[in-house]
Amino acid sequence: MKYDIIGDIHGYLNDLLALLKKMGYGLSESGYYYHPDRQAIFVGDYIDRGKNSKQVVHLVRAMQENGSAIALMGNHEYNAICFHTKGSSGEYLRPRTNQNIKQHCATLHSFEDDAFLSESLDWFKQLPLFYENEYFRVIHACWDAEQIEIFKQKMEGNQLKMEHLEASTIKGDNLYEAVEILLKGRELKLPGEHTFKDVEGHIRNQVRVKWWENPEGKTYLEYAVNEFEPAAAEQLTIPIPPYMQSILPYPTSEKPVFFGHYWLSEESPKLQNQKVCCLDYSIAKAGKLVAYRFDGEQELNENKFCW
């Protein structure tokens, strides 16, 4: 089997349709997209940002349920589940703050049919957090072997059991840490009282890091995934202290790994290295929807990107 791994879609239906067409996917007689000898793998984040979350979910779900795609959970699907689920206290597991409502509002507008929203949330709940076969691995944000093992042992597989959903939202629970890292990426806290403003104006005291690189000898700015405004960048030129350099990079001896999540902005997609490939190129910020066409190679090739 050959695979096409597709990055974060965020409700951008037309871009998804164009990418599928470019890669040779067509409509079956029963109305789902398929390829005669390839299978799509979606890294998650089907909703929020764009205007057509409902239609994207319908398309991806139809492909998954008919075997022409594998669909993973992204942090936006996880957030949506928590946004619409009350915990034991009677409060929603994802607080309905102005910031959280703003992030989810495009999806709420897209899903005018409450019944279809409820049905889609049920579909989100059964999505696996990661996928692995003998050739490669796929996850939404961060392949961390230790956290994956913790998750697998507790969940007895790669799906988040809903009876453990509330535990996954409680800081201090080992399931919370696993879900945070796998779906949202590993973060590194800044020393002391250091903070910075992100591109949306939120005050942060942690940076998302390049978990596929060795942090030794780097500053926080060099080890952070995203670009920063000059004022924020200046605050991040602090060396990572030795006691925090225990995060090992993704081993080059392992299988290739694919993921999304990080809002990359390069003009043309680039590999992080020959084993590591991010597929999120900021479709919701005038970027592009990107896929990697995998044919079994154990050293990835930048000529295999499609967008």
C-alpha atoms as a PDB file:
ATOM      1  CA  MET A   1       0.000   0.000   0.000  1.00  0.00           C
ATOM      2  CA  LYS A   2       1.178   3.511  -0.872  1.00  0.00           C
ATOM      3  CA  TYR A   3       0.121   6.481   1.249  1.00  0.00           C
ATOM      4  CA  ASP A   4      -0.558  10.204   0.990  1.00  0.00           C
ATOM      5  CA  ILE A   5      -0.151  11.905   4.379  1.00  0.00           C
ATOM      6  CA  ILE A   6      -2.094  15.178   4.466  1.00  0.00           C
ATOM      7  CA  GLY A   7      -1.577  18.137   6.827  1.00  0.00           C
ATOM      8  CA  ASP A   8      -3.986  20.269   8.885  1.00  0.00           C
ATOM      9  CA  ILE A   9      -7.094  21.320   6.882  1.00  0.00           C
ATOM     10  CA  HIS A  10      -8.959  23.633   9.304  1.00  0.00           C
ATOM     11  CA  GLY A  11     -12.178  23.847   7.314  1.00  0.00           C
ATOM     12  CA  TYR A  12     -10.575  24.753   3.966  1.00  0.00           C
ATOM     13  CA  LEU A  13     -12.665  22.479   1.770  1.00  0.00           C
ATOM     14  CA  ASN A  14     -11.696  23.864  -1.646  1.00  0.00           C
ATOM     15  CA  ASP A  15      -7.999  23.458  -0.933  1.00  0.00           C
ATOM     16  CA  LEU A  16      -8.596  19.863   0.157  1.00  0.00           C
ATOM     17  CA  LEU A  17     -10.610  19.108  -2.980  1.00  0.00           C
ATOM     18  CA  ALA A  18      -7.897  20.636  -5.167  1.00  0.00           C
ATOM     19  CA  LEU A  19      -5.149  18.636  -3.445  1.00  0.00           C
ATOM     20  CA  LEU A  20      -7.063  15.354  -3.721  1.00  0.00           C
ATOM     21  CA  LYS A  21      -7.711  15.992  -7.409  1.00  0.00           C
ATOM     22  CA  LYS A  22      -4.037  16.806  -8.013  1.00  0.00           C
ATOM     23  CA  MET A  23      -3.042  13.514  -6.393  1.00  0.00           C
ATOM     24  CA  GLY A  24      -5.466  11.499  -8.524  1.00  0.00           C
ATOM     25  CA  TYR A  25      -8.321  10.913  -6.062  1.00  0.00           C
ATOM     26  CA  GLY A  26     -11.789  10.687  -7.588  1.00  0.00           C
ATOM     27  CA  LEU A  27     -15.373  10.198  -6.445  1.00  0.00           C
ATOM     28  CA  SER A  28     -16.712   6.681  -6.108  1.00  0.00           C
ATOM     29  CA  GLU A  29     -20.237   5.791  -7.217  1.00  0.00           C
ATOM     30  CA  SER A  30     -21.352   6.041  -3.592  1.00  0.00           C
ATOM     31  CA  GLY A  31     -19.851   9.509  -3.183  1.00  0.00           C
ATOM     32  CA  TYR A  32     -16.566   9.220  -1.286  1.00  0.00           C
ATOM     33  CA  TYR A  33     -13.098  10.112  -2.545  1.00  0.00           C
ATOM     34  CA  TYR A  34     -10.651   7.311  -3.203  1.00  0.00           C
ATOM     35  CA  HIS A  35      -7.471   6.451  -5.084  1.00  0.00           C
ATOM     36  CA  PRO A  36      -7.172   3.132  -6.945  1.00  0.00           C
ATOM     37  CA  ASP A  37      -3.878   2.141  -5.305  1.00  0.00           C
ATOM     38  CA  ARG A  38      -3.131   4.653  -2.522  1.00  0.00           C
ATOM     39  CA  GLN A  39      -4.592   5.493   0.898  1.00  0.00           C
ATOM     40  CA  ALA A  40      -4.788   8.955   2.469  1.00  0.00           C
ATOM     41  CA  ILE A  41      -3.770   9.589   6.083  1.00  0.00           C
ATOM     42  CA  PHE A  42      -5.027  12.786   7.712  1.00  0.00           C
ATOM     43  CA  VAL A  43      -3.020  14.158  10.663  1.00  0.00           C
ATOM     44  CA  GLY A  44      -6.026  15.877  12.305  1.00  0.00           C
ATOM     45  CA  ASP A  45      -7.323  19.441  12.733  1.00  0.00           C
ATOM     46  CA  TYR A  46     -10.230  19.227  10.285  1.00  0.00           C
ATOM     47  CA  ILE A  47     -12.177  22.050  11.955  1.00  0.00           C
ATOM     48  CA  ASP A  48     -11.928  25.696  13.117  1.00  0.00           C
ATOM     49  CA  ARG A  49     -10.481  28.716  11.251  1.00  0.00           C
ATOM     50  CA  GLY A  50     -12.019  28.092   7.785  1.00  0.00           C
ATOM     51  CA  LYS A  51     -15.697  28.358   6.763  1.00  0.00           C
ATOM     52  CA  ASN A  52     -16.325  24.749   5.770  1.00  0.00           C
ATOM     53  CA  SER A  53     -15.533  22.594   8.811  1.00  0.00           C
ATOM     54  CA  LYS A  54     -18.765  20.643   8.423  1.00  0.00           C
ATOM     55  CA  GLN A  55     -18.073  19.763   4.791  1.00  0.00           C
ATOM     56  CA  VAL A  56     -14.452  18.822   5.531  1.00  0.00           C
ATOM     57  CA  VAL A  57     -15.547  16.500   8.343  1.00  0.00           C
ATOM     58  CA  HIS A  58     -18.159  14.933   6.064  1.00  0.00           C
ATOM     59  CA  LEU A  59     -15.574  14.309   3.319  1.00  0.00           C
ATOM     60  CA  VAL A  60     -12.832  12.930   5.591  1.00  0.00           C
ATOM     61  CA  ARG A  61     -15.267  10.795   7.553  1.00  0.00           C
ATOM     62  CA  ALA A  62     -16.687   9.264   4.353  1.00  0.00           C
ATOM     63  CA  MET A  63     -13.172   8.403   3.187  1.00  0.00           C
ATOM     64  CA  GLN A  64     -12.267   6.892   6.559  1.00  0.00           C
ATOM     65  CA  GLU A  65     -15.446   4.856   6.884  1.00  0.00           C
ATOM     66  CA  ASN A  66     -14.996   3.443   3.366  1.00  0.00           C
ATOM     67  CA  GLY A  67     -11.352   2.514   3.855  1.00  0.00           C
ATOM     68  CA  SER A  68      -9.783   5.054   1.509  1.00  0.00           C
ATOM     69  CA  ALA A  69      -8.292   7.063   4.395  1.00  0.00           C
ATOM     70  CA  ILE A  70      -7.031   6.839   7.962  1.00  0.00           C
ATOM     71  CA  ALA A  71      -8.050   9.845  10.076  1.00  0.00           C
ATOM     72  CA  LEU A  72      -6.248  10.861  13.280  1.00  0.00           C
ATOM     73  CA  MET A  73      -7.374  13.182  16.064  1.00  0.00           C
ATOM     74  CA  GLY A  74      -5.875  16.671  16.182  1.00  0.00           C
ATOM     75  CA  ASN A  75      -5.860  19.037  19.129  1.00  0.00           C
ATOM     76  CA  HIS A  76      -8.804  20.936  17.612  1.00  0.00           C
ATOM     77  CA  GLU A  77     -10.969  17.798  17.579  1.00  0.00           C
ATOM     78  CA  TYR A  78      -9.899  17.071  21.161  1.00  0.00           C
ATOM     79  CA  ASN A  79     -10.673  20.674  22.152  1.00  0.00           C
ATOM     80  CA  ALA A  80     -14.101  20.429  20.498  1.00  0.00           C
ATOM     81  CA  ILE A  81     -14.939  17.273  22.433  1.00  0.00           C
ATOM     82  CA  CYS A  82     -13.977  18.993  25.705  1.00  0.00           C
ATOM     83  CA  PHE A  83     -15.778  22.233  24.729  1.00  0.00           C
ATOM     84  CA  HIS A  84     -19.054  20.306  24.377  1.00  0.00           C
ATOM     85  CA  THR A  85     -18.598  17.880  27.335  1.00  0.00           C
ATOM     86  CA  LYS A  86     -19.354  18.669  30.969  1.00  0.00           C
ATOM     87  CA  GLY A  87     -17.197  17.162  33.700  1.00  0.00           C
ATOM     88  CA  SER A  88     -18.133  15.875  37.148  1.00  0.00           C
ATOM     89  CA  SER A  89     -18.357  19.473  38.454  1.00  0.00           C
ATOM     90  CA  GLY A  90     -21.019  20.360  35.891  1.00  0.00           C
ATOM     91  CA  GLU A  91     -18.636  22.728  34.084  1.00  0.00           C
ATOM     92  CA  TYR A  92     -17.431  22.197  30.527  1.00  0.00           C
ATOM     93  CA  LEU A  93     -14.067  20.439  30.338  1.00  0.00           C
ATOM     94  CA  ARG A  94     -12.814  23.177  28.014  1.00  0.00           C
ATOM     95  CA  PRO A  95     -13.878  26.457  29.650  1.00  0.00           C
ATOM     96  CA  ARG A  96     -16.071  28.645  27.474  1.00  0.00           C
ATOM     97  CA  THR A  97     -13.814  31.681  27.688  1.00  0.00           C
ATOM     98  CA  ASN A  98     -13.879  34.387  25.024  1.00  0.00           C
ATOM     99  CA  GLN A  99     -10.592  33.043  23.628  1.00  0.00           C
ATOM    100  CA  ASN A 100     -11.874  29.460  23.383  1.00  0.00           C
ATOM    101  CA  ILE A 101     -15.201  30.529  21.868  1.00  0.00           C
ATOM    102  CA  LYS A 102     -13.374  32.670  19.297  1.00  0.00           C
ATOM    103  CA  GLN A 103     -11.168  29.723  18.309  1.00  0.00           C
ATOM    104  CA  HIS A 104     -14.207  27.458  17.841  1.00  0.00           C
ATOM    105  CA  CYS A 105     -16.727  29.932  16.394  1.00  0.00           C
ATOM    106  CA  ALA A 106     -16.063  29.132  12.709  1.00  0.00           C
ATOM    107  CA  THR A 107     -16.944  25.506  13.425  1.00  0.00           C
ATOM    108  CA  LEU A 108     -20.097  26.460  15.333  1.00  0.00           C
ATOM    109  CA  HIS A 109     -21.230  28.616  12.387  1.00  0.00           C
ATOM    110  CA  SER A 110     -20.458  25.814   9.929  1.00  0.00           C
ATOM    111  CA  PHE A 111     -22.399  23.181  11.912  1.00  0.00           C
ATOM    112  CA  GLU A 112     -25.827  24.800  11.949  1.00  0.00           C
ATOM    113  CA  ASP A 113     -27.401  21.373  12.355  1.00  0.00           C
ATOM    114  CA  ASP A 114     -27.022  20.436  16.031  1.00  0.00           C
ATOM    115  CA  ALA A 115     -27.702  16.769  15.249  1.00  0.00           C
ATOM    116  CA  PHE A 116     -24.852  16.630  12.750  1.00  0.00           C
ATOM    117  CA  LEU A 117     -22.530  18.394  15.218  1.00  0.00           C
ATOM    118  CA  SER A 118     -23.364  15.796  17.877  1.00  0.00           C
ATOM    119  CA  GLU A 119     -22.805  13.000  15.369  1.00  0.00           C
ATOM    120  CA  SER A 120     -19.462  14.514  14.337  1.00  0.00           C
ATOM    121  CA  LEU A 121     -18.341  14.839  17.954  1.00  0.00           C
ATOM    122  CA  ASP A 122     -19.075  11.130  18.374  1.00  0.00           C
ATOM    123  CA  TRP A 123     -16.875  10.476  15.335  1.00  0.00           C
ATOM    124  CA  PHE A 124     -14.074  12.636  16.790  1.00  0.00           C
ATOM    125  CA  LYS A 125     -14.191  10.576  19.981  1.00  0.00           C
ATOM    126  CA  GLN A 126     -13.225   7.354  18.221  1.00  0.00           C
ATOM    127  CA  LEU A 127     -10.325   8.818  16.235  1.00  0.00           C
ATOM    128  CA  PRO A 128      -6.902   7.387  17.135  1.00  0.00           C
ATOM    129  CA  LEU A 129      -4.188   9.747  18.374  1.00  0.00           C
ATOM    130  CA  PHE A 130      -1.413   8.051  16.412  1.00  0.00           C
ATOM    131  CA  TYR A 131      -0.782   5.477  13.702  1.00  0.00           C
ATOM    132  CA  GLU A 132       2.180   3.212  13.061  1.00  0.00           C
ATOM    133  CA  ASN A 133       2.959   0.435  10.613  1.00  0.00           C
ATOM    134  CA  GLU A 134       6.195  -1.331   9.708  1.00  0.00           C
ATOM    135  CA  TYR A 135       7.313   1.589   7.507  1.00  0.00           C
ATOM    136  CA  PHE A 136       6.394   4.876   9.233  1.00  0.00           C
ATOM    137  CA  ARG A 137       4.582   6.724  12.031  1.00  0.00           C
ATOM    138  CA  VAL A 138       1.981   9.500  12.025  1.00  0.00           C
ATOM    139  CA  ILE A 139       0.785  11.737  14.859  1.00  0.00           C
ATOM    140  CA  HIS A 140      -0.723  15.197  15.122  1.00  0.00           C
ATOM    141  CA  ALA A 141       2.023  17.055  17.008  1.00  0.00           C
ATOM    142  CA  CYS A 142       4.820  15.072  18.691  1.00  0.00           C
ATOM    143  CA  TRP A 143       6.001  11.476  18.562  1.00  0.00           C
ATOM    144  CA  ASP A 144       7.286  10.949  22.088  1.00  0.00           C
ATOM    145  CA  ALA A 145       7.973   7.248  22.708  1.00  0.00           C
ATOM    146  CA  GLU A 146       7.649   7.522  26.503  1.00  0.00           C
ATOM    147  CA  GLN A 147       4.316   9.360  26.379  1.00  0.00           C
ATOM    148  CA  ILE A 148       2.962   7.027  23.699  1.00  0.00           C
ATOM    149  CA  GLU A 149       3.792   4.047  25.897  1.00  0.00           C
ATOM    150  CA  ILE A 150       2.041   5.681  28.876  1.00  0.00           C
ATOM    151  CA  PHE A 151      -1.006   6.380  26.710  1.00  0.00           C
ATOM    152  CA  LYS A 152      -1.098   2.868  25.202  1.00  0.00           C
ATOM    153  CA  GLN A 153      -0.850   1.179  28.581  1.00  0.00           C
ATOM    154  CA  LYS A 154      -3.595   3.302  30.119  1.00  0.00           C
ATOM    155  CA  MET A 155      -5.919   3.239  27.082  1.00  0.00           C
ATOM    156  CA  GLU A 156      -4.988  -0.270  25.842  1.00  0.00           C
ATOM    157  CA  GLY A 157      -4.486   1.124  22.363  1.00  0.00           C
ATOM    158  CA  ASN A 158      -4.262   4.369  20.409  1.00  0.00           C
ATOM    159  CA  GLN A 159      -7.754   5.766  21.126  1.00  0.00           C
ATOM    160  CA  LEU A 160      -8.713   7.979  24.071  1.00  0.00           C
ATOM    161  CA  LYS A 161     -11.436   6.192  26.027  1.00  0.00           C
ATOM    162  CA  MET A 162     -14.149   8.662  26.917  1.00  0.00           C
ATOM    163  CA  GLU A 163     -14.381   7.456  30.516  1.00  0.00           C
ATOM    164  CA  HIS A 164     -10.864   8.914  30.877  1.00  0.00           C
ATOM    165  CA  LEU A 165     -11.623  12.191  29.083  1.00  0.00           C
ATOM    166  CA  GLU A 166     -11.954  14.247  32.253  1.00  0.00           C
ATOM    167  CA  ALA A 167      -8.669  12.857  33.646  1.00  0.00           C
ATOM    168  CA  SER A 168      -6.960  13.961  30.428  1.00  0.00           C
ATOM    169  CA  THR A 169      -7.898  17.587  31.250  1.00  0.00           C
ATOM    170  CA  ILE A 170      -6.536  17.597  34.807  1.00  0.00           C
ATOM    171  CA  LYS A 171      -3.026  18.968  35.241  1.00  0.00           C
ATOM    172  CA  GLY A 172      -0.882  16.545  37.206  1.00  0.00           C
ATOM    173  CA  ASP A 173      -2.522  13.423  35.795  1.00  0.00           C
ATOM    174  CA  ASN A 174      -0.053  11.467  33.643  1.00  0.00           C
ATOM    175  CA  LEU A 175      -2.745  11.130  30.984  1.00  0.00           C
ATOM    176  CA  TYR A 176      -3.009  14.937  30.815  1.00  0.00           C
ATOM    177  CA  GLU A 177       0.717  15.205  30.079  1.00  0.00           C
ATOM    178  CA  ALA A 178       0.565  12.468  27.452  1.00  0.00           C
ATOM    179  CA  VAL A 179      -2.345  14.065  25.581  1.00  0.00           C
ATOM    180  CA  GLU A 180      -0.796  17.546  25.824  1.00  0.00           C
ATOM    181  CA  ILE A 181       2.494  16.372  24.313  1.00  0.00           C
ATOM    182  CA  LEU A 182       1.056  14.050  21.644  1.00  0.00           C
ATOM    183  CA  LEU A 183      -1.639  16.469  20.408  1.00  0.00           C
ATOM    184  CA  LYS A 184      -0.134  19.893  21.191  1.00  0.00           C
ATOM    185  CA  GLY A 185       3.616  19.340  21.168  1.00  0.00           C
ATOM    186  CA  ARG A 186       6.361  19.393  23.753  1.00  0.00           C
ATOM    187  CA  GLU A 187       6.913  22.787  25.382  1.00  0.00           C
ATOM    188  CA  LEU A 188       9.810  24.190  27.391  1.00  0.00           C
ATOM    189  CA  LYS A 189       9.208  26.669  30.208  1.00  0.00           C
ATOM    190  CA  LEU A 190      11.222  29.885  30.144  1.00  0.00           C
ATOM    191  CA  PRO A 191      13.457  30.543  33.173  1.00  0.00           C
ATOM    192  CA  GLY A 192      12.299  32.719  36.059  1.00  0.00           C
ATOM    193  CA  GLU A 193       9.633  35.278  35.210  1.00  0.00           C
ATOM    194  CA  HIS A 194      10.447  35.469  31.484  1.00  0.00           C
ATOM    195  CA  THR A 195       7.434  35.765  29.184  1.00  0.00           C
ATOM    196  CA  PHE A 196       6.734  36.838  25.605  1.00  0.00           C
ATOM    197  CA  LYS A 197       3.744  37.768  23.445  1.00  0.00           C
ATOM    198  CA  ASP A 198       2.805  35.316  20.701  1.00  0.00           C
ATOM    199  CA  VAL A 199       1.510  36.388  17.279  1.00  0.00           C
ATOM    200  CA  GLU A 200      -2.067  36.536  18.606  1.00  0.00           C
ATOM    201  CA  GLY A 201      -1.056  38.735  21.548  1.00  0.00           C
ATOM    202  CA  HIS A 202      -1.279  36.061  24.257  1.00  0.00           C
ATOM    203  CA  ILE A 203       1.299  36.155  27.057  1.00  0.00           C
ATOM    204  CA  ARG A 204       3.329  32.929  27.101  1.00  0.00           C
ATOM    205  CA  ASN A 205       5.990  31.547  29.417  1.00  0.00           C
ATOM    206  CA  GLN A 206       6.660  28.389  27.375  1.00  0.00           C
ATOM    207  CA  VAL A 207       7.800  27.752  23.808  1.00  0.00           C
ATOM    208  CA  ARG A 208       6.922  24.843  21.539  1.00  0.00           C
ATOM    209  CA  VAL A 209      10.160  23.104  20.721  1.00  0.00           C
ATOM    210  CA  LYS A 210      11.734  21.214  17.842  1.00  0.00           C
ATOM    211  CA  TRP A 211      11.544  17.794  19.501  1.00  0.00           C
ATOM    212  CA  TRP A 212      13.316  16.274  16.515  1.00  0.00           C
ATOM    213  CA  GLU A 213      16.490  18.321  17.237  1.00  0.00           C
ATOM    214  CA  ASN A 214      19.077  18.139  20.016  1.00  0.00           C
ATOM    215  CA  PRO A 215      18.687  21.164  22.357  1.00  0.00           C
ATOM    216  CA  GLU A 216      22.299  21.076  23.523  1.00  0.00           C
ATOM    217  CA  GLY A 217      23.984  24.465  23.108  1.00  0.00           C
ATOM    218  CA  LYS A 218      20.844  26.160  21.749  1.00  0.00           C
ATOM    219  CA  THR A 219      18.927  29.195  22.942  1.00  0.00           C
ATOM    220  CA  TYR A 220      15.171  29.071  23.462  1.00  0.00           C
ATOM    221  CA  LEU A 221      14.786  31.029  20.226  1.00  0.00           C
ATOM    222  CA  GLU A 222      16.842  28.501  18.247  1.00  0.00           C
ATOM    223  CA  TYR A 223      14.983  25.535  19.726  1.00  0.00           C
ATOM    224  CA  ALA A 224      11.496  27.014  19.319  1.00  0.00           C
ATOM    225  CA  VAL A 225       9.427  25.850  16.359  1.00  0.00           C
ATOM    226  CA  ASN A 226       7.750  29.076  15.336  1.00  0.00           C
ATOM    227  CA  GLU A 227       8.934  32.483  14.237  1.00  0.00           C
ATOM    228  CA  PHE A 228       8.509  35.445  16.585  1.00  0.00           C
ATOM    229  CA  GLU A 229       8.072  39.194  16.369  1.00  0.00           C
ATOM    230  CA  PRO A 230      11.403  41.016  16.960  1.00  0.00           C
ATOM    231  CA  ALA A 231      10.469  42.083  20.508  1.00  0.00           C
ATOM    232  CA  ALA A 232       9.520  38.534  21.468  1.00  0.00           C
ATOM    233  CA  ALA A 233      12.546  37.041  19.706  1.00  0.00           C
ATOM    234  CA  GLU A 234      14.879  39.260  21.706  1.00  0.00           C
ATOM    235  CA  GLN A 235      13.433  37.873  24.950  1.00  0.00           C
ATOM    236  CA  LEU A 236      14.110  34.296  23.821  1.00  0.00           C
ATOM    237  CA  THR A 237      17.850  34.584  23.166  1.00  0.00           C
ATOM    238  CA  ILE A 238      18.509  32.827  26.489  1.00  0.00           C
ATOM    239  CA  PRO A 239      20.590  29.631  26.547  1.00  0.00           C
ATOM    240  CA  ILE A 240      18.700  26.498  27.509  1.00  0.00           C
ATOM    241  CA  PRO A 241      20.222  25.465  30.864  1.00  0.00           C
ATOM    242  CA  PRO A 242      22.006  22.086  30.943  1.00  0.00           C
ATOM    243  CA  TYR A 243      19.521  20.504  33.357  1.00  0.00           C
ATOM    244  CA  MET A 244      16.747  21.108  30.800  1.00  0.00           C
ATOM    245  CA  GLN A 245      18.651  19.591  27.885  1.00  0.00           C
ATOM    246  CA  SER A 246      17.502  16.045  28.611  1.00  0.00           C
ATOM    247  CA  ILE A 247      14.928  16.090  25.787  1.00  0.00           C
ATOM    248  CA  LEU A 248      16.386  13.667  23.292  1.00  0.00           C
ATOM    249  CA  PRO A 249      15.788  14.296  19.591  1.00  0.00           C
ATOM    250  CA  TYR A 250      13.798  11.830  17.503  1.00  0.00           C
ATOM    251  CA  PRO A 251      16.364   9.117  16.692  1.00  0.00           C
ATOM    252  CA  THR A 252      17.546   8.950  13.078  1.00  0.00           C
ATOM    253  CA  SER A 253      17.629   5.162  13.470  1.00  0.00           C
ATOM    254  CA  GLU A 254      13.816   5.079  13.818  1.00  0.00           C
ATOM    255  CA  LYS A 255      11.102   4.919  11.149  1.00  0.00           C
ATOM    256  CA  PRO A 256      10.119   8.143   9.363  1.00  0.00           C
ATOM    257  CA  VAL A 257       7.542  10.177  11.291  1.00  0.00           C
ATOM    258  CA  PHE A 258       4.923  12.580   9.899  1.00  0.00           C
ATOM    259  CA  PHE A 259       2.930  15.230  11.799  1.00  0.00           C
ATOM    260  CA  GLY A 260       1.231  18.626  11.440  1.00  0.00           C
ATOM    261  CA  HIS A 261       0.309  21.312  13.989  1.00  0.00           C
ATOM    262  CA  TYR A 262       3.183  23.817  13.798  1.00  0.00           C
ATOM    263  CA  TRP A 263       2.062  26.523  11.328  1.00  0.00           C
ATOM    264  CA  LEU A 264       5.227  26.461   9.212  1.00  0.00           C
ATOM    265  CA  SER A 265       5.624  29.282   6.705  1.00  0.00           C
ATOM    266  CA  GLU A 266       8.331  28.315   4.195  1.00  0.00           C
ATOM    267  CA  GLU A 267       7.610  29.116   0.566  1.00  0.00           C
ATOM    268  CA  SER A 268       8.211  25.464  -0.358  1.00  0.00           C
ATOM    269  CA  PRO A 269       7.770  22.499   2.015  1.00  0.00           C
ATOM    270  CA  LYS A 270      11.012  21.236   3.531  1.00  0.00           C
ATOM    271  CA  LEU A 271      11.902  18.149   5.549  1.00  0.00           C
ATOM    272  CA  GLN A 272      13.043  18.672   9.134  1.00  0.00           C
ATOM    273  CA  ASN A 273      15.500  15.867   8.383  1.00  0.00           C
ATOM    274  CA  GLN A 274      15.424  12.641   6.359  1.00  0.00           C
ATOM    275  CA  LYS A 275      13.289  10.932   9.020  1.00  0.00           C
ATOM    276  CA  VAL A 276      11.058  13.801  10.154  1.00  0.00           C
ATOM    277  CA  CYS A 277       8.364  15.596   8.161  1.00  0.00           C
ATOM    278  CA  CYS A 278       5.947  18.330   9.285  1.00  0.00           C
ATOM    279  CA  LEU A 279       2.966  18.851   6.958  1.00  0.00           C
ATOM    280  CA  ASP A 280       1.291  21.933   8.466  1.00  0.00           C
ATOM    281  CA  TYR A 281       1.979  24.918   6.209  1.00  0.00           C
ATOM    282  CA  SER A 282      -0.568  27.373   7.626  1.00  0.00           C
ATOM    283  CA  ILE A 283      -3.513  26.897   5.280  1.00  0.00           C
ATOM    284  CA  ALA A 284      -5.584  29.120   7.612  1.00  0.00           C
ATOM    285  CA  LYS A 285      -3.043  31.947   7.333  1.00  0.00           C
ATOM    286  CA  ALA A 286      -2.834  32.218   3.539  1.00  0.00           C
ATOM    287  CA  GLY A 287      -0.454  29.262   3.425  1.00  0.00           C
ATOM    288  CA  LYS A 288      -0.881  25.945   1.631  1.00  0.00           C
ATOM    289  CA  LEU A 289      -2.343  22.482   2.198  1.00  0.00           C
ATOM    290  CA  VAL A 290       0.499  19.988   1.880  1.00  0.00           C
ATOM    291  CA  ALA A 291       0.786  16.215   1.483  1.00  0.00           C
ATOM    292  CA  TYR A 292       3.719  13.821   1.377  1.00  0.00           C
ATOM    293  CA  ARG A 293       3.405  10.893  -1.061  1.00  0.00           C
ATOM    294  CA  PHE A 294       5.011   7.964   0.731  1.00  0.00           C
ATOM    295  CA  ASP A 295       6.077   4.895  -1.220  1.00  0.00           C
ATOM    296  CA  GLY A 296       8.035   2.964   1.400  1.00  0.00           C
ATOM    297  CA  GLU A 297      11.292   4.932   1.400  1.00  0.00           C
ATOM    298  CA  GLN A 298      13.170   4.999   4.723  1.00  0.00           C
ATOM    299  CA  GLU A 299      14.973   8.223   3.843  1.00  0.00           C
ATOM    300  CA  LEU A 300      12.399  10.877   3.012  1.00  0.00           C
ATOM    301  CA  ASN A 301      12.699  12.953  -0.151  1.00  0.00           C
ATOM    302  CA  GLU A 302      11.547  16.566  -0.600  1.00  0.00           C
ATOM    303  CA  ASN A 303      10.479  15.749  -4.159  1.00  0.00           C
ATOM    304  CA  LYS A 304       7.614  13.719  -2.672  1.00  0.00           C
ATOM    305  CA  PHE A 305       5.754  16.783  -1.336  1.00  0.00           C
ATOM    306  CA  CYS A 306       2.554  17.775  -3.130  1.00  0.00           C
ATOM    307  CA  TRP A 307       0.610  21.018  -2.691  1.00  0.00           C
END
